[in-house]
Amino acid sequence: MRVIGGEFRSRVLRAPDGMATRPTSDRLRETLFNVLAARIAGARFLDLYAGSGAVGIEALSRGAAHVAFVERAGPAVKMLRANLARLGIDSGFSIHAGTVGAFLAGPRSDARPFDVAFLDPPYEAEEEYEKTLGLLGGEFCGFLAAGAVVVAEHRRNDELEDQYGALKRTRLLRQGDAALSFFERN
């Protein structure tokens, strides 16, 4: 697994051993950032279910102003910290070790909204898609800037709703066994 583009291009990233963390493939990350290219420089990026941090690190490499990583699994948080340290990234990010629900409901030291949010819960935790997209499109819509984009990585054959409150799907890309659903805030 490598950083695809930007300042840290071709640098190696690591994921925790085992199958508990399923990193977004290099190819799918490249597709994601090709679509988001015009939105990344200077953006505030929210990486939910961050795992080893590959997606958020890619955003930092391409010029995001700040990335908030949210991950609850201890081994993944440890690897995320190690990946950031290995690349020499010591600012422009925050790590929230806990559940996405706790992060969204908890106090925030920085109330500025996010321009881009990415979520990639474990595929088998299907209820997390509904729950998180519902929260971001409803009660916690304030986490998102006007015109923000929310991207959900999911199994190719899993069907997500076309709308979650203020979030409306604008694009669906399928690649291999995975898919990316793009939602924009109304």
Protein backbone atom coordinates (compact mmCIF):
# COMPACT_ATOMS: atom_id res chain seq x y z
CA MET A 1 0.00 0.00 0.00
CA ARG A 2 1.47 3.34 -1.08
CA VAL A 3 0.57 7.02 -1.15
CA ILE A 4 -0.65 7.61 -4.72
CA GLY A 5 0.07 11.31 -5.30
CA GLY A 6 1.25 14.59 -3.88
CA GLU A 7 4.07 15.36 -1.46
CA PHE A 8 4.40 11.79 -0.13
CA ARG A 9 3.87 10.02 -3.46
CA SER A 10 5.13 6.40 -3.59
CA ARG A 11 5.85 6.27 0.15
CA VAL A 12 4.85 2.98 1.73
CA LEU A 13 2.03 2.75 4.29
CA ARG A 14 1.38 -0.18 6.58
CA ALA A 15 -1.83 -1.73 7.90
CA PRO A 16 -2.29 -3.82 11.04
CA ASP A 17 -1.85 -7.56 10.67
CA GLY A 18 -4.98 -9.66 10.23
CA MET A 19 -8.29 -9.02 8.54
CA ALA A 20 -9.80 -6.56 11.05
CA THR A 21 -8.63 -3.59 8.97
CA ARG A 22 -9.35 -3.54 5.23
CA PRO A 23 -7.39 -0.66 3.67
CA THR A 24 -8.83 1.10 0.64
CA SER A 25 -6.92 -0.27 -2.36
CA ASP A 26 -4.39 1.93 -4.15
CA ARG A 27 -6.47 1.80 -7.32
CA LEU A 28 -9.70 2.84 -5.57
CA ARG A 29 -7.89 5.65 -3.70
CA GLU A 30 -6.54 6.89 -7.01
CA THR A 31 -10.06 6.94 -8.46
CA LEU A 32 -11.40 8.69 -5.35
CA PHE A 33 -8.79 11.44 -5.47
CA ASN A 34 -9.11 11.89 -9.23
CA VAL A 35 -12.78 12.72 -8.65
CA LEU A 36 -12.05 14.92 -5.60
CA ALA A 37 -8.95 16.62 -7.05
CA ALA A 38 -10.39 20.13 -7.24
CA ARG A 39 -11.73 19.93 -3.66
CA ILE A 40 -8.64 18.77 -1.74
CA ALA A 41 -6.14 21.64 -1.65
CA GLY A 42 -6.83 23.64 1.52
CA ALA A 43 -9.78 21.43 2.51
CA ARG A 44 -10.79 20.20 5.94
CA PHE A 45 -11.08 16.44 5.49
CA LEU A 46 -12.87 13.99 7.80
CA ASP A 47 -11.67 10.37 7.62
CA LEU A 48 -14.23 8.22 9.47
CA TYR A 49 -13.38 4.58 10.23
CA ALA A 50 -9.84 5.63 9.29
CA GLY A 51 -8.08 2.31 9.84
CA SER A 52 -4.39 2.75 8.99
CA GLY A 53 -5.09 6.28 7.73
CA ALA A 54 -4.36 5.70 4.03
CA VAL A 55 -7.20 7.91 2.74
CA GLY A 56 -6.58 10.80 5.14
CA ILE A 57 -2.83 10.62 4.56
CA GLU A 58 -3.49 10.76 0.82
CA ALA A 59 -5.55 13.93 1.43
CA LEU A 60 -2.68 15.48 3.44
CA SER A 61 -0.21 14.51 0.71
CA ARG A 62 -2.38 16.33 -1.83
CA GLY A 63 -2.67 19.54 0.17
CA ALA A 64 -5.60 19.19 2.59
CA ALA A 65 -5.29 21.82 5.33
CA HIS A 66 -6.45 19.49 8.09
CA VAL A 67 -7.51 15.86 8.42
CA ALA A 68 -9.47 14.50 11.37
CA PHE A 69 -8.96 10.74 11.68
CA VAL A 70 -11.60 8.80 13.62
CA GLU A 71 -10.88 5.14 14.47
CA ARG A 72 -11.82 2.96 17.43
CA ALA A 73 -9.61 -0.14 16.96
CA GLY A 74 -6.45 0.13 19.03
CA PRO A 75 -4.13 -1.68 16.59
CA ALA A 76 -5.35 0.51 13.71
CA VAL A 77 -4.85 3.72 15.73
CA LYS A 78 -1.33 2.56 16.59
CA MET A 79 -0.57 1.88 12.91
CA LEU A 80 -2.12 5.21 11.88
CA ARG A 81 0.20 7.04 14.29
CA ALA A 82 3.16 5.02 13.01
CA ASN A 83 2.33 5.83 9.37
CA LEU A 84 2.13 9.55 10.13
CA ALA A 85 5.43 9.42 12.05
CA ARG A 86 7.14 7.39 9.30
CA LEU A 87 6.21 10.11 6.79
CA GLY A 88 7.30 12.90 9.14
CA ILE A 89 3.79 14.38 9.33
CA ASP A 90 3.54 16.14 12.67
CA SER A 91 0.83 18.74 12.09
CA GLY A 92 -2.34 19.33 10.09
CA PHE A 93 -4.23 16.44 11.63
CA SER A 94 -6.06 15.24 14.72
CA ILE A 95 -6.68 11.65 15.80
CA HIS A 96 -9.86 10.70 17.64
CA ALA A 97 -9.56 7.22 19.14
CA GLY A 98 -13.15 6.12 19.61
CA THR A 99 -16.36 5.41 17.77
CA VAL A 100 -17.71 7.61 15.01
CA GLY A 101 -20.92 8.11 16.99
CA ALA A 102 -18.98 9.32 20.05
CA PHE A 103 -16.92 11.67 17.88
CA LEU A 104 -20.00 13.19 16.24
CA ALA A 105 -21.85 13.59 19.54
CA GLY A 106 -18.86 14.72 21.59
CA PRO A 107 -17.45 18.18 22.23
CA ARG A 108 -15.22 19.68 19.57
CA SER A 109 -12.29 21.95 20.20
CA ASP A 110 -12.45 23.09 16.56
CA ALA A 111 -15.99 23.79 15.35
CA ARG A 112 -15.04 24.62 11.75
CA PRO A 113 -16.99 22.41 9.31
CA PHE A 114 -15.46 19.82 7.01
CA ASP A 115 -15.37 20.19 3.22
CA VAL A 116 -14.95 16.47 2.52
CA ALA A 117 -15.90 13.44 4.60
CA PHE A 118 -14.95 9.87 3.78
CA LEU A 119 -16.38 6.82 5.49
CA ASP A 120 -15.36 3.22 5.09
CA PRO A 121 -16.82 1.14 7.90
CA PRO A 122 -16.19 -2.61 7.96
CA TYR A 123 -18.25 -4.06 5.12
CA GLU A 124 -19.97 -6.47 7.49
CA ALA A 125 -21.13 -3.55 9.70
CA GLU A 126 -23.84 -2.53 7.24
CA GLU A 127 -25.79 -0.63 9.91
CA GLU A 128 -22.88 1.82 10.23
CA TYR A 129 -23.53 3.23 6.75
CA GLU A 130 -27.17 4.01 7.53
CA LYS A 131 -26.33 5.37 10.97
CA THR A 132 -23.39 7.57 9.96
CA LEU A 133 -24.88 8.92 6.74
CA GLY A 134 -28.13 9.57 8.61
CA LEU A 135 -26.30 11.53 11.31
CA LEU A 136 -24.24 13.55 8.81
CA GLY A 137 -27.33 14.32 6.73
CA GLY A 138 -29.44 15.17 9.75
CA GLU A 139 -28.62 15.94 13.37
CA PHE A 140 -24.89 16.52 12.73
CA CYS A 141 -25.19 18.24 9.36
CA GLY A 142 -23.33 21.19 10.93
CA PHE A 143 -20.13 19.12 10.74
CA LEU A 144 -20.24 19.72 6.99
CA ALA A 145 -19.62 22.96 5.10
CA ALA A 146 -22.20 24.13 2.58
CA GLY A 147 -21.59 22.16 -0.61
CA ALA A 148 -19.51 19.54 1.21
CA VAL A 149 -19.11 16.10 -0.30
CA VAL A 150 -19.43 12.86 1.67
CA VAL A 151 -18.03 9.70 0.10
CA ALA A 152 -18.90 6.20 1.31
CA GLU A 153 -16.84 3.20 0.24
CA HIS A 154 -18.95 0.04 0.23
CA ARG A 155 -19.31 -3.34 -1.42
CA ARG A 156 -20.17 -3.13 -5.08
CA ASN A 157 -23.51 -4.91 -4.63
CA ASP A 158 -24.57 -3.17 -1.41
CA GLU A 159 -27.34 -0.68 -1.99
CA LEU A 160 -27.20 2.63 -0.15
CA GLU A 161 -30.12 5.05 -0.16
CA ASP A 162 -30.05 7.93 -2.64
CA GLN A 163 -30.66 10.46 0.13
CA TYR A 164 -29.96 10.74 3.85
CA GLY A 165 -31.57 13.94 5.11
CA ALA A 166 -29.62 16.83 3.57
CA LEU A 167 -27.22 14.46 1.79
CA LYS A 168 -28.16 13.50 -1.75
CA ARG A 169 -26.20 10.98 -3.82
CA THR A 170 -24.75 12.60 -6.92
CA ARG A 171 -22.50 9.83 -8.22
CA LEU A 172 -21.87 6.10 -7.89
CA LEU A 173 -18.60 4.57 -9.12
CA ARG A 174 -18.03 0.83 -9.13
CA GLN A 175 -14.55 -0.65 -9.32
CA GLY A 176 -13.82 -4.32 -8.80
CA ASP A 177 -15.66 -5.56 -5.69
CA ALA A 178 -15.98 -2.04 -4.23
CA ALA A 179 -18.01 1.07 -4.96
CA LEU A 180 -17.87 4.74 -4.02
CA SER A 181 -21.10 6.65 -3.39
CA PHE A 182 -20.69 10.45 -3.51
CA PHE A 183 -23.22 12.56 -1.59
CA GLU A 184 -23.46 16.34 -1.52
CA ARG A 185 -24.99 18.47 1.17
CA ASN A 186 -28.06 20.37 -0.07
